[in-house]
Amino acid sequence: MVSKAIKPVLEEKGYEVEVVEFSDYVQPNIALNNGSIDANLFQHKIYMDNFAEENNMELSEVIVVPTAPMGIYSNKYDSLDEIEEGTQIAIQNDPTNAARAFLILEEEGLIKVDPDVNPLVISERDVIENPKNIVFQPIEAGQLPRAVDSVDLSAVPGNFALSANMDLLDALKLETMPDEYRNRVVVSTENLDQSFVEDIKEAA
């Protein structure tokens, strides 16, 4: 999205655009907050709001972009119907994105979560039924594509799947994605009135 859509338009307007890649979900907002970068594109609204609150940052979204869904991938199983007792699944180690994996598994009838819990912040402690005794392994998001080779299942966010040249159609199940989980271009709130922010909006 950045390299193919936003970057060329900004360069036509005279900007010099450098795309910086990160391997986790923490450093992009830290870099944004300390001024190392001007904008980032990797996070959804819930993650942005939670991260900003927990780290005393003021972050604002600029645009919402088309976002590839999280999927459950496996080199061991051809279907989620095949999973065995004690199957291990790698999930993201941040709560707001891990919740997405739990929702996929619940939708497939593999677990049941507490209906009184906000579905956007579900965690393992909210799983009230787990008949297959699925084992959840939280790891860094950037490791999830590689985890397909080392664990039974891996819940890979769409952006990391595409970066790893994974085919989304290989997923055993893709999430039904609510708008809150679509990625945003985010800037520091203090920069909302800067001209580059308006130009990013026009580039979308």
N, C-alpha and C. Protein backbone atom coordinates (compact mmCIF):
# COMPACT_ATOMS: atom_id res chain seq x y z
N MET A 1 0.83 -1.21 0.00
CA MET A 1 0.00 0.00 0.00
C MET A 1 0.86 1.25 0.00
N VAL A 2 1.88 1.28 0.87
CA VAL A 2 2.73 2.47 0.95
C VAL A 2 3.54 2.63 -0.32
N SER A 3 4.26 1.58 -0.72
CA SER A 3 5.17 1.68 -1.86
C SER A 3 4.44 1.81 -3.18
N LYS A 4 3.27 1.16 -3.29
CA LYS A 4 2.58 1.13 -4.57
C LYS A 4 1.58 2.26 -4.75
N ALA A 5 1.05 2.80 -3.67
CA ALA A 5 -0.01 3.80 -3.80
C ALA A 5 0.37 5.15 -3.21
N ILE A 6 0.73 5.17 -1.94
CA ILE A 6 0.96 6.45 -1.27
C ILE A 6 2.30 7.07 -1.67
N LYS A 7 3.36 6.28 -1.67
CA LYS A 7 4.71 6.80 -1.96
C LYS A 7 4.80 7.49 -3.31
N PRO A 8 4.34 6.89 -4.42
CA PRO A 8 4.47 7.56 -5.72
C PRO A 8 3.76 8.90 -5.78
N VAL A 9 2.58 8.98 -5.18
CA VAL A 9 1.82 10.24 -5.22
C VAL A 9 2.55 11.32 -4.43
N LEU A 10 3.08 10.96 -3.26
CA LEU A 10 3.81 11.94 -2.46
C LEU A 10 5.08 12.40 -3.18
N GLU A 11 5.74 11.48 -3.86
CA GLU A 11 6.96 11.85 -4.60
C GLU A 11 6.64 12.79 -5.75
N GLU A 12 5.49 12.59 -6.36
CA GLU A 12 5.07 13.51 -7.42
C GLU A 12 4.85 14.91 -6.89
N LYS A 13 4.52 15.00 -5.61
CA LYS A 13 4.31 16.31 -4.99
C LYS A 13 5.61 16.91 -4.47
N GLY A 14 6.72 16.20 -4.66
CA GLY A 14 8.01 16.74 -4.27
C GLY A 14 8.59 16.20 -2.98
N TYR A 15 7.91 15.25 -2.34
CA TYR A 15 8.43 14.67 -1.11
C TYR A 15 9.50 13.61 -1.41
N GLU A 16 10.47 13.50 -0.54
CA GLU A 16 11.39 12.37 -0.56
C GLU A 16 10.87 11.37 0.47
N VAL A 17 10.45 10.21 0.00
CA VAL A 17 9.79 9.23 0.87
C VAL A 17 10.72 8.04 1.10
N GLU A 18 11.00 7.76 2.34
CA GLU A 18 11.78 6.58 2.72
C GLU A 18 10.87 5.61 3.47
N VAL A 19 10.77 4.40 2.97
CA VAL A 19 9.96 3.37 3.63
C VAL A 19 10.85 2.59 4.59
N VAL A 20 10.49 2.59 5.86
CA VAL A 20 11.25 1.90 6.91
C VAL A 20 10.44 0.70 7.38
N GLU A 21 11.05 -0.48 7.37
CA GLU A 21 10.35 -1.68 7.78
C GLU A 21 10.72 -2.07 9.21
N PHE A 22 9.72 -2.54 9.96
CA PHE A 22 9.91 -3.00 11.34
C PHE A 22 9.45 -4.44 11.43
N SER A 23 9.99 -5.16 12.41
CA SER A 23 9.65 -6.58 12.56
C SER A 23 8.73 -6.86 13.74
N ASP A 24 8.30 -5.80 14.44
CA ASP A 24 7.37 -6.01 15.54
C ASP A 24 6.32 -4.90 15.55
N TYR A 25 5.43 -4.95 16.55
CA TYR A 25 4.33 -4.00 16.62
C TYR A 25 4.58 -2.89 17.64
N VAL A 26 5.78 -2.81 18.18
CA VAL A 26 6.09 -1.82 19.20
C VAL A 26 6.91 -0.66 18.64
N GLN A 27 7.98 -0.99 17.94
CA GLN A 27 8.91 0.03 17.47
C GLN A 27 8.30 1.08 16.54
N PRO A 28 7.34 0.73 15.66
CA PRO A 28 6.81 1.76 14.77
C PRO A 28 6.18 2.95 15.49
N ASN A 29 5.49 2.70 16.59
CA ASN A 29 4.89 3.81 17.34
C ASN A 29 5.93 4.55 18.18
N ILE A 30 6.93 3.83 18.67
CA ILE A 30 8.02 4.50 19.39
C ILE A 30 8.76 5.44 18.44
N ALA A 31 9.04 4.95 17.23
CA ALA A 31 9.73 5.77 16.24
C ALA A 31 8.89 6.98 15.85
N LEU A 32 7.58 6.77 15.77
CA LEU A 32 6.68 7.88 15.44
C LEU A 32 6.68 8.91 16.56
N ASN A 33 6.64 8.45 17.77
CA ASN A 33 6.58 9.35 18.92
C ASN A 33 7.86 10.16 19.10
N ASN A 34 9.01 9.55 18.78
CA ASN A 34 10.27 10.29 18.95
C ASN A 34 10.71 11.05 17.71
N GLY A 35 9.88 11.01 16.67
CA GLY A 35 10.16 11.80 15.48
C GLY A 35 11.07 11.14 14.47
N SER A 36 11.42 9.86 14.68
CA SER A 36 12.28 9.17 13.72
C SER A 36 11.57 8.94 12.40
N ILE A 37 10.26 8.79 12.46
CA ILE A 37 9.44 8.67 11.25
C ILE A 37 8.27 9.64 11.38
N ASP A 38 7.64 9.94 10.25
CA ASP A 38 6.54 10.90 10.23
C ASP A 38 5.17 10.25 10.28
N ALA A 39 5.08 9.01 9.80
CA ALA A 39 3.80 8.30 9.77
C ALA A 39 4.10 6.81 9.76
N ASN A 40 3.14 6.01 10.18
CA ASN A 40 3.31 4.57 10.04
C ASN A 40 2.02 3.93 9.57
N LEU A 41 2.14 2.72 9.04
CA LEU A 41 1.00 1.97 8.54
C LEU A 41 1.20 0.51 8.92
N PHE A 42 0.53 0.08 9.97
CA PHE A 42 0.64 -1.32 10.38
C PHE A 42 -0.45 -1.72 11.37
N GLN A 43 -1.15 -0.75 11.96
CA GLN A 43 -1.99 -1.05 13.13
C GLN A 43 -3.45 -0.69 12.90
N HIS A 44 -4.31 -1.38 13.65
CA HIS A 44 -5.72 -1.06 13.60
C HIS A 44 -6.07 -0.12 14.75
N LYS A 45 -7.31 0.32 14.77
CA LYS A 45 -7.72 1.36 15.72
C LYS A 45 -7.58 0.91 17.18
N ILE A 46 -7.98 -0.32 17.46
CA ILE A 46 -7.96 -0.78 18.85
C ILE A 46 -6.53 -0.83 19.37
N TYR A 47 -5.63 -1.36 18.55
CA TYR A 47 -4.23 -1.41 18.96
C TYR A 47 -3.68 -0.01 19.16
N MET A 48 -3.97 0.89 18.23
CA MET A 48 -3.47 2.26 18.33
C MET A 48 -3.95 2.93 19.62
N ASP A 49 -5.24 2.81 19.90
CA ASP A 49 -5.80 3.45 21.09
C ASP A 49 -5.19 2.87 22.37
N ASN A 50 -5.07 1.54 22.43
CA ASN A 50 -4.51 0.90 23.62
C ASN A 50 -3.05 1.25 23.81
N PHE A 51 -2.28 1.23 22.72
CA PHE A 51 -0.85 1.52 22.81
C PHE A 51 -0.63 2.96 23.25
N ALA A 52 -1.42 3.87 22.68
CA ALA A 52 -1.28 5.28 23.03
C ALA A 52 -1.58 5.51 24.51
N GLU A 53 -2.63 4.86 25.00
CA GLU A 53 -3.00 5.03 26.40
C GLU A 53 -1.95 4.44 27.34
N GLU A 54 -1.47 3.25 27.01
CA GLU A 54 -0.51 2.57 27.88
C GLU A 54 0.85 3.26 27.89
N ASN A 55 1.18 3.97 26.80
CA ASN A 55 2.50 4.57 26.68
C ASN A 55 2.48 6.09 26.69
N ASN A 56 1.31 6.64 27.08
CA ASN A 56 1.18 8.09 27.21
C ASN A 56 1.57 8.81 25.92
N MET A 57 1.04 8.34 24.81
CA MET A 57 1.28 8.95 23.50
C MET A 57 -0.01 9.52 22.95
N GLU A 58 0.11 10.49 22.07
CA GLU A 58 -1.05 11.03 21.36
C GLU A 58 -0.90 10.69 19.89
N LEU A 59 -1.68 9.71 19.46
CA LEU A 59 -1.64 9.22 18.09
C LEU A 59 -2.99 9.43 17.42
N SER A 60 -2.97 9.72 16.13
CA SER A 60 -4.21 9.96 15.40
C SER A 60 -4.15 9.26 14.05
N GLU A 61 -5.29 8.70 13.65
CA GLU A 61 -5.35 8.07 12.33
C GLU A 61 -5.58 9.12 11.26
N VAL A 62 -5.04 8.85 10.08
CA VAL A 62 -5.19 9.76 8.94
C VAL A 62 -6.17 9.16 7.94
N ILE A 63 -5.93 7.91 7.55
CA ILE A 63 -6.82 7.21 6.63
C ILE A 63 -6.89 5.74 7.02
N VAL A 64 -7.97 5.09 6.62
CA VAL A 64 -8.11 3.64 6.76
C VAL A 64 -7.80 3.04 5.39
N VAL A 65 -7.02 1.97 5.37
CA VAL A 65 -6.59 1.40 4.10
C VAL A 65 -7.12 -0.03 3.94
N PRO A 66 -7.22 -0.52 2.71
CA PRO A 66 -7.59 -1.92 2.51
C PRO A 66 -6.61 -2.82 3.26
N THR A 67 -7.14 -3.82 3.95
CA THR A 67 -6.32 -4.62 4.85
C THR A 67 -6.57 -6.11 4.62
N ALA A 68 -5.49 -6.86 4.40
CA ALA A 68 -5.62 -8.30 4.24
C ALA A 68 -5.98 -8.92 5.59
N PRO A 69 -6.87 -9.90 5.60
CA PRO A 69 -7.33 -10.48 6.87
C PRO A 69 -6.32 -11.42 7.50
N MET A 70 -6.43 -11.59 8.80
CA MET A 70 -5.66 -12.63 9.49
C MET A 70 -6.17 -13.99 9.04
N GLY A 71 -5.27 -14.95 8.97
CA GLY A 71 -5.67 -16.30 8.60
C GLY A 71 -5.00 -17.33 9.48
N ILE A 72 -5.61 -18.50 9.57
CA ILE A 72 -5.02 -19.64 10.27
C ILE A 72 -4.34 -20.52 9.22
N TYR A 73 -3.03 -20.69 9.34
CA TYR A 73 -2.25 -21.45 8.36
C TYR A 73 -1.64 -22.68 9.02
N SER A 74 -1.40 -23.70 8.19
CA SER A 74 -0.80 -24.93 8.72
C SER A 74 -0.12 -25.71 7.61
N ASN A 75 1.01 -26.30 7.93
CA ASN A 75 1.64 -27.26 7.04
C ASN A 75 1.36 -28.69 7.49
N LYS A 76 0.61 -28.82 8.57
CA LYS A 76 0.28 -30.15 9.11
C LYS A 76 -1.13 -30.57 8.76
N TYR A 77 -2.06 -29.63 8.82
CA TYR A 77 -3.47 -29.95 8.59
C TYR A 77 -3.96 -29.33 7.29
N ASP A 78 -4.90 -30.02 6.66
CA ASP A 78 -5.56 -29.49 5.47
C ASP A 78 -6.88 -28.83 5.81
N SER A 79 -7.35 -29.02 7.03
CA SER A 79 -8.62 -28.47 7.46
C SER A 79 -8.60 -28.33 8.98
N LEU A 80 -9.31 -27.34 9.48
CA LEU A 80 -9.42 -27.20 10.93
C LEU A 80 -10.22 -28.33 11.55
N ASP A 81 -10.99 -29.04 10.72
CA ASP A 81 -11.73 -30.20 11.22
C ASP A 81 -10.80 -31.35 11.62
N GLU A 82 -9.55 -31.30 11.15
CA GLU A 82 -8.61 -32.40 11.40
C GLU A 82 -7.81 -32.24 12.69
N ILE A 83 -7.88 -31.08 13.33
CA ILE A 83 -6.94 -30.82 14.43
C ILE A 83 -7.15 -31.81 15.57
N GLU A 84 -6.04 -32.14 16.22
CA GLU A 84 -6.02 -33.19 17.23
C GLU A 84 -5.93 -32.60 18.63
N GLU A 85 -6.10 -33.47 19.61
CA GLU A 85 -5.94 -33.10 21.01
C GLU A 85 -4.56 -32.48 21.24
N GLY A 86 -4.53 -31.34 21.92
CA GLY A 86 -3.26 -30.70 22.25
C GLY A 86 -2.60 -29.96 21.11
N THR A 87 -3.33 -29.71 20.04
CA THR A 87 -2.76 -28.95 18.92
C THR A 87 -2.23 -27.61 19.40
N GLN A 88 -1.07 -27.23 18.90
CA GLN A 88 -0.45 -25.96 19.26
C GLN A 88 -0.70 -24.93 18.17
N ILE A 89 -1.04 -23.70 18.60
CA ILE A 89 -1.24 -22.62 17.65
C ILE A 89 -0.43 -21.40 18.10
N ALA A 90 0.33 -20.84 17.18
CA ALA A 90 1.08 -19.62 17.45
C ALA A 90 0.16 -18.43 17.22
N ILE A 91 0.13 -17.53 18.20
CA ILE A 91 -0.69 -16.32 18.10
C ILE A 91 0.18 -15.12 18.44
N GLN A 92 -0.30 -13.93 18.10
CA GLN A 92 0.47 -12.73 18.41
C GLN A 92 0.55 -12.51 19.91
N ASN A 93 1.64 -11.89 20.33
CA ASN A 93 1.84 -11.68 21.76
C ASN A 93 1.33 -10.33 22.25
N ASP A 94 0.53 -9.65 21.42
CA ASP A 94 -0.15 -8.46 21.93
C ASP A 94 -1.64 -8.76 22.00
N PRO A 95 -2.30 -8.33 23.07
CA PRO A 95 -3.68 -8.75 23.34
C PRO A 95 -4.69 -8.41 22.25
N THR A 96 -4.60 -7.21 21.68
CA THR A 96 -5.64 -6.80 20.74
C THR A 96 -5.60 -7.61 19.46
N ASN A 97 -4.43 -8.08 19.06
CA ASN A 97 -4.35 -8.90 17.86
C ASN A 97 -4.54 -10.38 18.17
N ALA A 98 -4.15 -10.81 19.36
CA ALA A 98 -4.41 -12.19 19.75
C ALA A 98 -5.91 -12.46 19.79
N ALA A 99 -6.69 -11.45 20.16
CA ALA A 99 -8.14 -11.61 20.22
C ALA A 99 -8.71 -12.06 18.89
N ARG A 100 -8.10 -11.61 17.81
CA ARG A 100 -8.59 -11.98 16.48
C ARG A 100 -8.47 -13.48 16.26
N ALA A 101 -7.39 -14.07 16.73
CA ALA A 101 -7.21 -15.52 16.58
C ALA A 101 -8.26 -16.29 17.37
N PHE A 102 -8.54 -15.83 18.58
CA PHE A 102 -9.56 -16.50 19.39
C PHE A 102 -10.93 -16.43 18.72
N LEU A 103 -11.23 -15.30 18.08
CA LEU A 103 -12.52 -15.16 17.40
C LEU A 103 -12.63 -16.11 16.22
N ILE A 104 -11.53 -16.29 15.48
CA ILE A 104 -11.56 -17.23 14.36
C ILE A 104 -11.82 -18.64 14.87
N LEU A 105 -11.11 -19.03 15.91
CA LEU A 105 -11.27 -20.38 16.46
C LEU A 105 -12.68 -20.59 17.01
N GLU A 106 -13.25 -19.56 17.62
CA GLU A 106 -14.61 -19.69 18.12
C GLU A 106 -15.60 -19.81 16.97
N GLU A 107 -15.38 -19.04 15.93
CA GLU A 107 -16.27 -19.10 14.77
C GLU A 107 -16.27 -20.50 14.16
N GLU A 108 -15.13 -21.19 14.27
CA GLU A 108 -15.02 -22.55 13.73
C GLU A 108 -15.48 -23.61 14.73
N GLY A 109 -15.93 -23.18 15.92
CA GLY A 109 -16.44 -24.12 16.91
C GLY A 109 -15.37 -24.87 17.68
N LEU A 110 -14.12 -24.39 17.62
CA LEU A 110 -13.03 -25.09 18.29
C LEU A 110 -12.87 -24.67 19.74
N ILE A 111 -13.30 -23.48 20.07
CA ILE A 111 -13.29 -22.99 21.45
C ILE A 111 -14.57 -22.21 21.68
N LYS A 112 -14.82 -21.89 22.94
CA LYS A 112 -15.91 -20.98 23.28
C LYS A 112 -15.36 -19.95 24.25
N VAL A 113 -15.68 -18.68 23.99
CA VAL A 113 -15.19 -17.62 24.87
C VAL A 113 -16.35 -17.05 25.67
N ASP A 114 -16.00 -16.42 26.76
CA ASP A 114 -16.99 -15.81 27.65
C ASP A 114 -17.80 -14.77 26.87
N PRO A 115 -19.12 -14.97 26.73
CA PRO A 115 -19.94 -14.04 25.94
C PRO A 115 -20.04 -12.65 26.55
N ASP A 116 -19.67 -12.51 27.82
CA ASP A 116 -19.76 -11.20 28.47
C ASP A 116 -18.52 -10.34 28.24
N VAL A 117 -17.51 -10.90 27.60
CA VAL A 117 -16.26 -10.17 27.38
C VAL A 117 -16.32 -9.44 26.04
N ASN A 118 -15.78 -8.23 26.01
CA ASN A 118 -15.68 -7.48 24.76
C ASN A 118 -14.92 -8.32 23.74
N PRO A 119 -15.53 -8.69 22.61
CA PRO A 119 -14.87 -9.57 21.65
C PRO A 119 -13.60 -9.00 21.04
N LEU A 120 -13.41 -7.70 21.16
CA LEU A 120 -12.22 -7.07 20.58
C LEU A 120 -11.00 -7.17 21.48
N VAL A 121 -11.20 -7.63 22.72
CA VAL A 121 -10.07 -7.73 23.65
C VAL A 121 -10.04 -9.10 24.34
N ILE A 122 -10.51 -10.12 23.67
CA ILE A 122 -10.52 -11.47 24.24
C ILE A 122 -9.09 -11.95 24.47
N SER A 123 -8.88 -12.64 25.58
CA SER A 123 -7.57 -13.24 25.86
C SER A 123 -7.77 -14.71 26.22
N GLU A 124 -6.68 -15.42 26.42
CA GLU A 124 -6.78 -16.85 26.72
C GLU A 124 -7.59 -17.11 27.99
N ARG A 125 -7.51 -16.21 28.95
CA ARG A 125 -8.26 -16.43 30.20
C ARG A 125 -9.77 -16.34 29.99
N ASP A 126 -10.20 -15.81 28.84
CA ASP A 126 -11.63 -15.71 28.55
C ASP A 126 -12.16 -16.93 27.81
N VAL A 127 -11.28 -17.89 27.51
CA VAL A 127 -11.70 -19.13 26.87
C VAL A 127 -12.32 -20.03 27.94
N ILE A 128 -13.62 -20.30 27.79
CA ILE A 128 -14.32 -21.08 28.81
C ILE A 128 -14.54 -22.53 28.38
N GLU A 129 -14.39 -22.81 27.10
CA GLU A 129 -14.46 -24.19 26.61
C GLU A 129 -13.36 -24.39 25.58
N ASN A 130 -12.60 -25.47 25.74
CA ASN A 130 -11.49 -25.78 24.84
C ASN A 130 -11.38 -27.30 24.74
N PRO A 131 -12.37 -27.93 24.08
CA PRO A 131 -12.46 -29.39 24.09
C PRO A 131 -11.25 -30.11 23.50
N LYS A 132 -10.54 -29.47 22.59
CA LYS A 132 -9.35 -30.09 22.00
C LYS A 132 -8.08 -29.76 22.80
N ASN A 133 -8.25 -29.00 23.88
CA ASN A 133 -7.09 -28.57 24.68
C ASN A 133 -6.01 -27.93 23.81
N ILE A 134 -6.46 -27.04 22.96
CA ILE A 134 -5.53 -26.30 22.10
C ILE A 134 -4.57 -25.50 22.96
N VAL A 135 -3.29 -25.55 22.60
CA VAL A 135 -2.25 -24.84 23.34
C VAL A 135 -1.88 -23.58 22.58
N PHE A 136 -1.97 -22.44 23.25
CA PHE A 136 -1.70 -21.15 22.61
C PHE A 136 -0.27 -20.71 22.91
N GLN A 137 0.47 -20.36 21.86
CA GLN A 137 1.86 -19.94 22.00
C GLN A 137 2.03 -18.51 21.51
N PRO A 138 2.04 -17.53 22.40
CA PRO A 138 2.21 -16.13 21.98
C PRO A 138 3.65 -15.86 21.53
N ILE A 139 3.80 -15.27 20.33
CA ILE A 139 5.12 -14.91 19.83
C ILE A 139 5.02 -13.57 19.10
N GLU A 140 6.18 -13.01 18.74
CA GLU A 140 6.20 -11.76 17.99
C GLU A 140 5.52 -11.95 16.64
N ALA A 141 4.82 -10.91 16.20
CA ALA A 141 4.06 -11.00 14.94
C ALA A 141 4.94 -11.37 13.76
N GLY A 142 6.16 -10.83 13.73
CA GLY A 142 7.04 -11.10 12.60
C GLY A 142 7.48 -12.54 12.50
N GLN A 143 7.33 -13.31 13.59
CA GLN A 143 7.73 -14.71 13.59
C GLN A 143 6.60 -15.64 13.17
N LEU A 144 5.38 -15.12 13.09
CA LEU A 144 4.22 -15.98 12.82
C LEU A 144 4.28 -16.68 11.46
N PRO A 145 4.72 -16.01 10.38
CA PRO A 145 4.81 -16.76 9.11
C PRO A 145 5.78 -17.94 9.21
N ARG A 146 6.92 -17.77 9.86
CA ARG A 146 7.89 -18.86 10.00
C ARG A 146 7.37 -19.96 10.93
N ALA A 147 6.49 -19.58 11.85
CA ALA A 147 5.97 -20.55 12.80
C ALA A 147 5.12 -21.62 12.13
N VAL A 148 4.66 -21.36 10.92
CA VAL A 148 3.87 -22.36 10.19
C VAL A 148 4.67 -23.65 10.03
N ASP A 149 6.00 -23.52 9.97
CA ASP A 149 6.85 -24.70 9.78
C ASP A 149 7.19 -25.40 11.09
N SER A 150 6.96 -24.74 12.22
CA SER A 150 7.43 -25.30 13.49
C SER A 150 6.32 -25.64 14.48
N VAL A 151 5.12 -25.12 14.27
CA VAL A 151 3.99 -25.46 15.13
C VAL A 151 2.85 -25.98 14.27
N ASP A 152 1.81 -26.48 14.92
CA ASP A 152 0.71 -27.09 14.17
C ASP A 152 -0.08 -26.07 13.37
N LEU A 153 -0.36 -24.93 14.00
CA LEU A 153 -1.14 -23.87 13.37
C LEU A 153 -0.49 -22.53 13.69
N SER A 154 -0.70 -21.55 12.82
CA SER A 154 -0.21 -20.21 13.10
C SER A 154 -1.23 -19.20 12.61
N ALA A 155 -1.58 -18.26 13.49
CA ALA A 155 -2.54 -17.21 13.15
C ALA A 155 -1.75 -16.00 12.65
N VAL A 156 -1.70 -15.83 11.34
CA VAL A 156 -0.82 -14.84 10.72
C VAL A 156 -1.63 -13.64 10.23
N PRO A 157 -1.33 -12.43 10.71
CA PRO A 157 -2.00 -11.24 10.18
C PRO A 157 -1.72 -11.08 8.69
N GLY A 158 -2.68 -10.51 7.98
CA GLY A 158 -2.57 -10.42 6.54
C GLY A 158 -1.33 -9.70 6.05
N ASN A 159 -0.95 -8.60 6.71
CA ASN A 159 0.20 -7.85 6.23
C ASN A 159 1.49 -8.65 6.36
N PHE A 160 1.62 -9.43 7.44
CA PHE A 160 2.81 -10.26 7.60
C PHE A 160 2.78 -11.45 6.65
N ALA A 161 1.60 -11.97 6.37
CA ALA A 161 1.48 -13.07 5.41
C ALA A 161 1.93 -12.61 4.03
N LEU A 162 1.47 -11.45 3.61
CA LEU A 162 1.84 -10.94 2.29
C LEU A 162 3.33 -10.62 2.22
N SER A 163 3.88 -10.05 3.29
CA SER A 163 5.31 -9.74 3.32
C SER A 163 6.16 -11.00 3.21
N ALA A 164 5.64 -12.11 3.71
CA ALA A 164 6.35 -13.38 3.65
C ALA A 164 6.00 -14.17 2.39
N ASN A 165 5.31 -13.52 1.44
CA ASN A 165 4.92 -14.14 0.17
C ASN A 165 4.03 -15.36 0.37
N MET A 166 3.22 -15.32 1.42
CA MET A 166 2.25 -16.38 1.63
C MET A 166 1.00 -16.10 0.80
N ASP A 167 0.36 -17.14 0.35
CA ASP A 167 -0.88 -17.02 -0.41
C ASP A 167 -2.05 -17.04 0.57
N LEU A 168 -2.83 -15.96 0.58
CA LEU A 168 -3.97 -15.90 1.51
C LEU A 168 -4.94 -17.06 1.29
N LEU A 169 -4.98 -17.56 0.06
CA LEU A 169 -5.90 -18.66 -0.24
C LEU A 169 -5.45 -19.98 0.39
N ASP A 170 -4.21 -20.01 0.90
CA ASP A 170 -3.74 -21.22 1.57
C ASP A 170 -4.23 -21.31 3.02
N ALA A 171 -4.81 -20.24 3.51
CA ALA A 171 -5.30 -20.24 4.89
C ALA A 171 -6.41 -21.26 5.07
N LEU A 172 -6.39 -21.95 6.19
CA LEU A 172 -7.48 -22.87 6.50
C LEU A 172 -8.74 -22.09 6.83
N LYS A 173 -8.56 -20.87 7.33
CA LYS A 173 -9.68 -19.98 7.64
C LYS A 173 -9.19 -18.55 7.68
N LEU A 174 -9.91 -17.64 7.02
CA LEU A 174 -9.63 -16.21 7.09
C LEU A 174 -10.67 -15.56 7.99
N GLU A 175 -10.24 -14.56 8.73
CA GLU A 175 -11.15 -13.89 9.65
C GLU A 175 -12.20 -13.06 8.90
N THR A 176 -13.34 -12.88 9.53
CA THR A 176 -14.32 -11.89 9.11
C THR A 176 -13.93 -10.60 9.80
N MET A 177 -13.44 -9.64 9.02
CA MET A 177 -12.76 -8.49 9.60
C MET A 177 -13.68 -7.30 9.83
N PRO A 178 -13.91 -6.90 11.09
CA PRO A 178 -14.65 -5.67 11.36
C PRO A 178 -13.80 -4.46 11.04
N ASP A 179 -14.43 -3.31 10.87
CA ASP A 179 -13.70 -2.10 10.50
C ASP A 179 -12.62 -1.74 11.51
N GLU A 180 -12.86 -2.04 12.79
CA GLU A 180 -11.88 -1.70 13.82
C GLU A 180 -10.54 -2.38 13.60
N TYR A 181 -10.53 -3.47 12.82
CA TYR A 181 -9.29 -4.21 12.59
C TYR A 181 -8.61 -3.83 11.28
N ARG A 182 -9.18 -2.89 10.56
CA ARG A 182 -8.53 -2.46 9.32
C ARG A 182 -7.40 -1.49 9.67
N ASN A 183 -6.30 -1.61 8.94
CA ASN A 183 -5.11 -0.82 9.26
C ASN A 183 -5.28 0.65 8.91
N ARG A 184 -4.57 1.47 9.66
CA ARG A 184 -4.63 2.91 9.50
C ARG A 184 -3.24 3.48 9.22
N VAL A 185 -3.18 4.57 8.45
CA VAL A 185 -1.99 5.42 8.46
C VAL A 185 -2.12 6.31 9.69
N VAL A 186 -1.10 6.30 10.53
CA VAL A 186 -1.15 6.99 11.82
C VAL A 186 -0.02 8.00 11.91
N VAL A 187 -0.31 9.15 12.53
CA VAL A 187 0.69 10.19 12.78
C VAL A 187 0.58 10.63 14.23
N SER A 188 1.59 11.35 14.69
CA SER A 188 1.48 12.00 16.00
C SER A 188 0.41 13.07 15.92
N THR A 189 -0.43 13.14 16.92
CA THR A 189 -1.54 14.09 16.90
C THR A 189 -1.06 15.52 16.68
N GLU A 190 0.11 15.86 17.19
CA GLU A 190 0.63 17.22 17.04
C GLU A 190 0.93 17.57 15.58
N ASN A 191 1.00 16.55 14.72
CA ASN A 191 1.31 16.79 13.31
C ASN A 191 0.08 16.75 12.41
N LEU A 192 -1.10 16.63 12.99
CA LEU A 192 -2.30 16.49 12.17
C LEU A 192 -2.51 17.65 11.21
N ASP A 193 -2.05 18.83 11.55
CA ASP A 193 -2.26 19.99 10.70
C ASP A 193 -1.12 20.21 9.70
N GLN A 194 -0.14 19.31 9.69
CA GLN A 194 0.97 19.45 8.75
C GLN A 194 0.50 19.13 7.33
N SER A 195 1.12 19.77 6.36
CA SER A 195 0.69 19.61 4.97
C SER A 195 0.86 18.18 4.48
N PHE A 196 1.87 17.46 4.98
CA PHE A 196 2.08 16.09 4.49
C PHE A 196 0.92 15.18 4.87
N VAL A 197 0.24 15.50 5.96
CA VAL A 197 -0.90 14.69 6.38
C VAL A 197 -2.04 14.83 5.38
N GLU A 198 -2.31 16.04 4.98
CA GLU A 198 -3.36 16.27 3.98
C GLU A 198 -2.99 15.61 2.66
N ASP A 199 -1.71 15.63 2.31
CA ASP A 199 -1.28 15.01 1.06
C ASP A 199 -1.40 13.49 1.13
N ILE A 200 -1.20 12.91 2.31
CA ILE A 200 -1.42 11.47 2.47
C ILE A 200 -2.89 11.14 2.23
N LYS A 201 -3.78 11.97 2.76
CA LYS A 201 -5.21 11.75 2.55
C LYS A 201 -5.55 11.78 1.06
N GLU A 202 -4.96 12.73 0.35
CA GLU A 202 -5.23 12.86 -1.08
C GLU A 202 -4.64 11.70 -1.87
N ALA A 203 -3.57 11.10 -1.34
CA ALA A 203 -2.91 10.00 -2.05
C ALA A 203 -3.68 8.70 -1.94
N ALA A 204 -4.52 8.60 -0.93
CA ALA A 204 -5.22 7.34 -0.68
C ALA A 204 -6.30 7.09 -1.73
